């Protein structure tokens, strides 16, 4: 997975998930930000998915609001193995 965050006025984070799986990659990426876990935070992220090629999914999240941004970084750090779940 790669991470990119734009420093422009539009605060957006882009995650690119790379897999050799091909099929099912979108489902894997969509399960990262489950709306049932935090419906308010997830809705505020305005998540957009784009398949660049088989096995490569690009996820763009809006970080312009504080609550969704907190949720994004919590999930992101967990994906990278750096979250503490209490």
N, C-alpha and C. Protein backbone atom coordinates (compact mmCIF):
# COMPACT_ATOMS: atom_id res chain seq x y z
N UNK A 1 0.85 -1.15 0.00
CA UNK A 1 0.00 0.00 0.00
C UNK A 1 0.90 1.23 0.00
N UNK A 2 0.50 2.23 -0.78
CA UNK A 2 1.21 3.50 -0.78
C UNK A 2 0.27 4.58 -0.27
N UNK A 3 0.84 5.66 0.26
CA UNK A 3 0.07 6.76 0.84
C UNK A 3 0.57 8.07 0.27
N UNK A 4 -0.36 8.94 -0.08
CA UNK A 4 -0.01 10.27 -0.58
C UNK A 4 -1.03 11.25 -0.02
N UNK A 5 -0.56 12.40 0.45
CA UNK A 5 -1.46 13.42 0.98
C UNK A 5 -1.13 14.74 0.31
N UNK A 6 -2.16 15.39 -0.25
CA UNK A 6 -1.92 16.65 -0.93
C UNK A 6 -1.84 17.78 0.09
N UNK A 7 -0.95 18.70 -0.13
CA UNK A 7 -0.76 19.84 0.77
C UNK A 7 -1.47 21.08 0.25
N UNK A 8 -2.31 20.91 -0.73
CA UNK A 8 -3.05 22.05 -1.29
C UNK A 8 -4.21 22.42 -0.38
N UNK A 9 -5.02 23.37 -0.81
CA UNK A 9 -6.19 23.78 -0.03
C UNK A 9 -7.16 22.62 0.18
N UNK A 10 -7.22 21.73 -0.79
CA UNK A 10 -8.09 20.57 -0.72
C UNK A 10 -7.35 19.44 -0.02
N UNK A 11 -7.66 19.21 1.26
CA UNK A 11 -6.97 18.17 2.02
C UNK A 11 -7.51 16.79 1.65
N UNK A 12 -6.72 16.06 0.89
CA UNK A 12 -7.11 14.72 0.46
C UNK A 12 -5.95 13.77 0.67
N UNK A 13 -6.29 12.55 1.04
CA UNK A 13 -5.30 11.48 1.15
C UNK A 13 -5.62 10.43 0.11
N UNK A 14 -4.58 9.90 -0.51
CA UNK A 14 -4.75 8.87 -1.52
C UNK A 14 -3.99 7.63 -1.09
N UNK A 15 -4.70 6.52 -0.99
CA UNK A 15 -4.09 5.24 -0.68
C UNK A 15 -4.18 4.39 -1.94
N UNK A 16 -3.08 3.78 -2.31
CA UNK A 16 -3.09 2.89 -3.47
C UNK A 16 -2.73 1.50 -2.97
N UNK A 17 -3.67 0.58 -3.13
CA UNK A 17 -3.51 -0.79 -2.67
C UNK A 17 -3.06 -1.62 -3.85
N UNK A 18 -1.90 -2.26 -3.71
CA UNK A 18 -1.32 -3.07 -4.77
C UNK A 18 -1.40 -4.55 -4.37
N UNK A 19 -1.97 -5.36 -5.24
CA UNK A 19 -2.12 -6.77 -4.94
C UNK A 19 -1.99 -7.59 -6.21
N UNK A 20 -1.57 -8.80 -6.04
CA UNK A 20 -1.53 -9.70 -7.20
C UNK A 20 -2.85 -10.45 -7.32
N UNK A 21 -3.75 -10.19 -6.38
CA UNK A 21 -5.02 -10.92 -6.34
C UNK A 21 -5.88 -10.68 -7.58
N UNK A 22 -5.90 -9.45 -8.06
CA UNK A 22 -6.72 -9.14 -9.23
C UNK A 22 -8.19 -9.07 -8.88
N UNK A 23 -8.81 -10.22 -8.74
CA UNK A 23 -10.23 -10.24 -8.40
C UNK A 23 -10.39 -10.09 -6.89
N UNK A 24 -11.38 -9.34 -6.50
CA UNK A 24 -11.65 -9.15 -5.08
C UNK A 24 -10.85 -8.04 -4.43
N UNK A 25 -9.98 -7.39 -5.17
CA UNK A 25 -9.15 -6.32 -4.60
C UNK A 25 -10.00 -5.17 -4.10
N UNK A 26 -11.01 -4.80 -4.87
CA UNK A 26 -11.89 -3.69 -4.46
C UNK A 26 -12.59 -4.02 -3.15
N UNK A 27 -13.04 -5.25 -3.00
CA UNK A 27 -13.71 -5.67 -1.77
C UNK A 27 -12.76 -5.57 -0.58
N UNK A 28 -11.52 -5.95 -0.78
CA UNK A 28 -10.51 -5.86 0.28
C UNK A 28 -10.33 -4.40 0.69
N UNK A 29 -10.18 -3.52 -0.28
CA UNK A 29 -9.95 -2.10 0.01
C UNK A 29 -11.18 -1.46 0.65
N UNK A 30 -12.38 -1.79 0.16
CA UNK A 30 -13.60 -1.21 0.72
C UNK A 30 -13.82 -1.65 2.16
N UNK A 31 -13.32 -2.82 2.54
CA UNK A 31 -13.49 -3.30 3.91
C UNK A 31 -12.59 -2.54 4.90
N UNK A 32 -11.64 -1.79 4.38
CA UNK A 32 -10.74 -1.01 5.25
C UNK A 32 -11.52 0.06 6.03
N UNK A 33 -12.45 0.75 5.39
CA UNK A 33 -13.23 1.81 6.01
C UNK A 33 -14.70 1.40 6.05
N UNK A 34 -15.04 0.49 6.94
CA UNK A 34 -16.41 0.02 7.05
C UNK A 34 -17.32 1.12 7.58
N UNK A 35 -18.39 1.42 6.87
CA UNK A 35 -19.30 2.48 7.31
C UNK A 35 -20.03 2.09 8.59
N UNK A 36 -20.16 0.80 8.86
CA UNK A 36 -20.84 0.38 10.08
C UNK A 36 -20.00 0.63 11.32
N UNK A 37 -18.67 0.76 11.18
CA UNK A 37 -17.79 1.00 12.31
C UNK A 37 -17.94 2.41 12.86
N UNK A 38 -17.99 3.39 11.99
CA UNK A 38 -18.16 4.80 12.36
C UNK A 38 -18.88 5.50 11.22
N UNK A 39 -20.22 5.40 11.19
CA UNK A 39 -20.97 5.95 10.05
C UNK A 39 -20.72 7.44 9.81
N UNK A 40 -20.64 8.23 10.88
CA UNK A 40 -20.41 9.67 10.72
C UNK A 40 -19.03 9.96 10.14
N UNK A 41 -18.01 9.33 10.71
CA UNK A 41 -16.65 9.55 10.25
C UNK A 41 -16.42 9.07 8.83
N UNK A 42 -16.97 7.91 8.51
CA UNK A 42 -16.80 7.36 7.18
C UNK A 42 -17.52 8.20 6.14
N UNK A 43 -18.74 8.66 6.45
CA UNK A 43 -19.49 9.50 5.51
C UNK A 43 -18.75 10.81 5.25
N UNK A 44 -18.13 11.37 6.28
CA UNK A 44 -17.41 12.63 6.14
C UNK A 44 -16.13 12.53 5.32
N UNK A 45 -15.65 11.32 5.12
CA UNK A 45 -14.43 11.14 4.33
C UNK A 45 -14.69 11.23 2.83
N UNK A 46 -15.95 11.09 2.41
CA UNK A 46 -16.31 11.12 0.99
C UNK A 46 -15.37 10.23 0.18
N UNK A 47 -15.31 8.97 0.56
CA UNK A 47 -14.37 8.01 -0.03
C UNK A 47 -14.74 7.73 -1.49
N UNK A 48 -13.73 7.75 -2.34
CA UNK A 48 -13.88 7.40 -3.75
C UNK A 48 -12.89 6.30 -4.10
N UNK A 49 -13.36 5.28 -4.79
CA UNK A 49 -12.52 4.16 -5.21
C UNK A 49 -12.35 4.20 -6.72
N UNK A 50 -11.16 3.85 -7.15
CA UNK A 50 -10.90 3.79 -8.59
C UNK A 50 -9.95 2.62 -8.86
N UNK A 51 -10.34 1.74 -9.76
CA UNK A 51 -9.47 0.63 -10.12
C UNK A 51 -8.56 1.09 -11.24
N UNK A 52 -7.25 1.14 -10.97
CA UNK A 52 -6.28 1.60 -11.96
C UNK A 52 -5.95 0.51 -12.96
N UNK A 53 -5.90 -0.73 -12.47
CA UNK A 53 -5.68 -1.91 -13.29
C UNK A 53 -5.98 -3.11 -12.40
N UNK A 54 -6.08 -4.31 -12.94
CA UNK A 54 -6.39 -5.46 -12.08
C UNK A 54 -5.40 -5.57 -10.92
N UNK A 55 -5.94 -5.63 -9.70
CA UNK A 55 -5.10 -5.74 -8.51
C UNK A 55 -4.61 -4.42 -7.96
N UNK A 56 -4.98 -3.29 -8.56
CA UNK A 56 -4.53 -1.97 -8.09
C UNK A 56 -5.75 -1.07 -7.90
N UNK A 57 -6.05 -0.74 -6.64
CA UNK A 57 -7.19 0.10 -6.30
C UNK A 57 -6.68 1.38 -5.64
N UNK A 58 -7.19 2.50 -6.11
CA UNK A 58 -6.82 3.80 -5.53
C UNK A 58 -8.02 4.32 -4.74
N UNK A 59 -7.79 4.66 -3.49
CA UNK A 59 -8.82 5.18 -2.61
C UNK A 59 -8.47 6.61 -2.25
N UNK A 60 -9.41 7.54 -2.47
CA UNK A 60 -9.19 8.94 -2.14
C UNK A 60 -10.15 9.32 -1.03
N UNK A 61 -9.63 9.99 0.02
CA UNK A 61 -10.43 10.39 1.17
C UNK A 61 -10.29 11.89 1.41
N UNK A 62 -11.39 12.52 1.76
CA UNK A 62 -11.42 13.95 2.06
C UNK A 62 -11.08 14.13 3.55
N UNK A 63 -10.01 14.86 3.84
CA UNK A 63 -9.57 15.06 5.22
C UNK A 63 -9.83 16.49 5.71
N UNK A 64 -10.78 17.18 5.11
CA UNK A 64 -10.99 18.59 5.46
C UNK A 64 -11.79 18.79 6.74
N UNK A 65 -12.33 17.73 7.33
CA UNK A 65 -13.08 17.85 8.58
C UNK A 65 -12.38 17.02 9.65
N UNK A 66 -12.34 17.52 10.87
CA UNK A 66 -11.53 16.89 11.91
C UNK A 66 -12.00 15.50 12.32
N UNK A 67 -13.31 15.27 12.54
CA UNK A 67 -13.75 13.95 12.98
C UNK A 67 -13.45 12.87 11.94
N UNK A 68 -13.80 13.08 10.67
CA UNK A 68 -13.43 12.05 9.68
C UNK A 68 -11.92 11.87 9.56
N UNK A 69 -11.15 12.96 9.73
CA UNK A 69 -9.69 12.84 9.63
C UNK A 69 -9.17 11.96 10.76
N UNK A 70 -9.69 12.12 11.98
CA UNK A 70 -9.28 11.27 13.09
C UNK A 70 -9.56 9.80 12.79
N UNK A 71 -10.75 9.51 12.24
CA UNK A 71 -11.12 8.15 11.90
C UNK A 71 -10.20 7.59 10.81
N UNK A 72 -9.91 8.42 9.79
CA UNK A 72 -9.03 8.00 8.71
C UNK A 72 -7.67 7.58 9.26
N UNK A 73 -7.06 8.43 10.10
CA UNK A 73 -5.72 8.11 10.60
C UNK A 73 -5.73 6.93 11.55
N UNK A 74 -6.82 6.74 12.30
CA UNK A 74 -6.92 5.57 13.17
C UNK A 74 -6.89 4.29 12.32
N UNK A 75 -7.73 4.25 11.28
CA UNK A 75 -7.79 3.07 10.39
C UNK A 75 -6.49 2.92 9.62
N UNK A 76 -5.95 4.03 9.12
CA UNK A 76 -4.71 3.99 8.34
C UNK A 76 -3.55 3.45 9.18
N UNK A 77 -3.40 3.96 10.39
CA UNK A 77 -2.30 3.49 11.25
C UNK A 77 -2.48 2.01 11.61
N UNK A 78 -3.73 1.58 11.78
CA UNK A 78 -3.98 0.16 12.02
C UNK A 78 -3.59 -0.68 10.83
N UNK A 79 -3.84 -0.17 9.62
CA UNK A 79 -3.47 -0.89 8.41
C UNK A 79 -1.96 -1.02 8.28
N UNK A 80 -1.25 -0.06 8.83
CA UNK A 80 0.21 -0.08 8.75
C UNK A 80 0.84 -0.79 9.97
N UNK A 81 -0.01 -1.28 10.87
CA UNK A 81 0.48 -2.01 12.04
C UNK A 81 0.88 -1.13 13.20
N UNK A 82 0.36 0.11 13.26
CA UNK A 82 0.77 1.05 14.29
C UNK A 82 -0.36 1.52 15.20
N UNK A 83 -1.50 0.88 15.17
CA UNK A 83 -2.63 1.31 16.01
C UNK A 83 -2.66 0.49 17.30
N UNK A 84 -3.18 1.12 18.33
CA UNK A 84 -3.39 0.43 19.60
C UNK A 84 -4.89 0.35 19.80
N UNK A 85 -5.41 -0.85 19.88
CA UNK A 85 -6.84 -1.04 20.07
C UNK A 85 -7.10 -1.30 21.54
N UNK A 86 -7.93 -0.47 22.15
CA UNK A 86 -8.22 -0.60 23.57
C UNK A 86 -9.63 -1.09 23.75
